[in-house]
């Protein structure tokens, strides 16, 4: 299972970086989204997701390792919401830039 998660994170990050280096703005936006998904998956996987663990501390605390950690899940949820907002902002800027320059090339000029 850890190998599958690490491979997924690597493929997402590699694909995102490859798209970031492309000359079209839409590809750059998709690359940013893929990189953010890779980071979210990395943060979530570092939170040691445990199934069957108690989410709330009780009075008879045995060991803190027996409980689920909600912080990585909260961080990923916040990052997803912020990622959607920035993607929407980038798309609006993309449409405005394309309307002003007539091209969707990153530097505004066709090669």
Protein backbone atom coordinates (compact mmCIF):
# COMPACT_ATOMS: atom_id res chain seq x y z
CA UNK A 1 0.00 0.00 0.00
CA UNK A 2 2.73 2.61 0.79
CA UNK A 3 4.37 1.87 -2.57
CA UNK A 4 1.08 2.53 -4.37
CA UNK A 5 0.57 5.85 -2.56
CA UNK A 6 4.17 6.92 -3.20
CA UNK A 7 3.87 5.99 -6.87
CA UNK A 8 0.61 7.93 -7.18
CA UNK A 9 2.17 11.00 -5.56
CA UNK A 10 5.20 10.75 -7.86
CA UNK A 11 3.09 10.41 -11.00
CA UNK A 12 0.86 13.33 -10.01
CA UNK A 13 3.82 15.56 -9.13
CA UNK A 14 5.78 14.61 -12.27
CA UNK A 15 2.80 15.16 -14.54
CA UNK A 16 2.08 18.47 -12.83
CA UNK A 17 5.64 19.73 -13.28
CA UNK A 18 5.65 18.61 -16.92
CA UNK A 19 2.43 20.56 -17.53
CA UNK A 20 3.81 23.59 -15.69
CA UNK A 21 6.62 23.76 -18.23
CA UNK A 22 4.23 23.81 -21.21
CA UNK A 23 3.72 27.05 -23.19
CA UNK A 24 -0.09 27.28 -22.92
CA UNK A 25 -1.81 28.83 -19.90
CA UNK A 26 -4.52 26.16 -19.65
CA UNK A 27 -1.84 23.48 -19.37
CA UNK A 28 -0.11 25.51 -16.65
CA UNK A 29 -3.37 25.72 -14.68
CA UNK A 30 -3.92 21.97 -14.94
CA UNK A 31 -0.28 21.42 -13.88
CA UNK A 32 -0.80 23.58 -10.79
CA UNK A 33 -3.91 21.58 -9.94
CA UNK A 34 -2.06 18.26 -10.30
CA UNK A 35 0.79 19.51 -8.11
CA UNK A 36 -1.69 20.61 -5.43
CA UNK A 37 -3.39 17.19 -5.56
CA UNK A 38 0.01 15.53 -5.12
CA UNK A 39 0.80 17.70 -2.09
CA UNK A 40 -2.65 17.01 -0.60
CA UNK A 41 -2.19 13.28 -1.02
CA UNK A 42 1.28 13.52 0.54
CA UNK A 43 -0.03 15.43 3.58
CA UNK A 44 -2.91 13.00 3.96
CA UNK A 45 -0.63 9.98 3.74
CA UNK A 46 1.75 11.42 6.34
CA UNK A 47 -1.14 11.65 8.81
CA UNK A 48 -0.99 7.88 9.42
CA UNK A 49 -4.58 7.20 8.50
CA UNK A 50 -5.92 4.52 10.84
CA UNK A 51 -9.16 2.67 10.35
CA UNK A 52 -10.98 1.60 13.48
CA UNK A 53 -9.15 4.07 15.73
CA UNK A 54 -11.11 6.25 18.12
CA UNK A 55 -11.37 9.85 16.86
CA UNK A 56 -11.97 11.41 20.30
CA UNK A 57 -9.86 11.10 23.44
CA UNK A 58 -11.68 9.47 26.32
CA UNK A 59 -11.00 9.34 30.05
CA UNK A 60 -9.26 5.96 29.87
CA UNK A 61 -6.40 7.01 27.61
CA UNK A 62 -4.11 4.08 26.89
CA UNK A 63 -1.71 5.55 24.37
CA UNK A 64 -2.04 8.55 22.09
CA UNK A 65 -0.89 6.36 19.20
CA UNK A 66 -4.25 4.53 19.39
CA UNK A 67 -6.19 7.61 18.29
CA UNK A 68 -6.76 9.15 14.88
CA UNK A 69 -5.02 12.43 14.10
CA UNK A 70 -7.49 14.96 12.61
CA UNK A 71 -4.93 17.66 11.79
CA UNK A 72 -3.77 16.29 8.38
CA UNK A 73 -7.38 15.78 7.34
CA UNK A 74 -8.24 19.36 8.29
CA UNK A 75 -5.18 20.67 6.43
CA UNK A 76 -6.10 18.76 3.27
CA UNK A 77 -9.72 19.91 3.42
CA UNK A 78 -8.60 23.52 3.75
CA UNK A 79 -6.09 23.09 0.91
CA UNK A 80 -8.78 21.64 -1.37
CA UNK A 81 -11.06 24.63 -0.78
CA UNK A 82 -8.24 27.11 -1.37
CA UNK A 83 -7.14 25.15 -4.45
CA UNK A 84 -10.61 25.40 -5.99
CA UNK A 85 -10.70 29.15 -5.33
CA UNK A 86 -7.27 29.80 -6.86
CA UNK A 87 -8.07 27.60 -9.87
CA UNK A 88 -11.23 29.64 -10.48
CA UNK A 89 -9.20 32.85 -10.18
CA UNK A 90 -6.58 31.53 -12.62
CA UNK A 91 -9.27 30.59 -15.12
CA UNK A 92 -10.76 34.10 -14.97
CA UNK A 93 -7.31 35.63 -15.48
CA UNK A 94 -6.75 33.18 -18.37
CA UNK A 95 -9.96 34.24 -20.08
CA UNK A 96 -9.18 37.94 -19.58
CA UNK A 97 -5.63 37.50 -20.87
CA UNK A 98 -6.83 35.56 -23.89
CA UNK A 99 -9.40 38.26 -24.64
CA UNK A 100 -6.80 41.03 -24.42
CA UNK A 101 -3.93 39.37 -26.27
CA UNK A 102 -5.81 37.02 -28.59
CA UNK A 103 -3.65 34.04 -27.59
CA UNK A 104 -3.36 31.68 -24.67
CA UNK A 105 0.43 31.44 -24.83
CA UNK A 106 2.14 31.98 -21.47
CA UNK A 107 4.18 35.01 -22.53
CA UNK A 108 1.41 36.40 -24.76
CA UNK A 109 3.30 35.80 -28.03
CA UNK A 110 3.14 32.90 -30.42
CA UNK A 111 6.53 31.33 -31.21
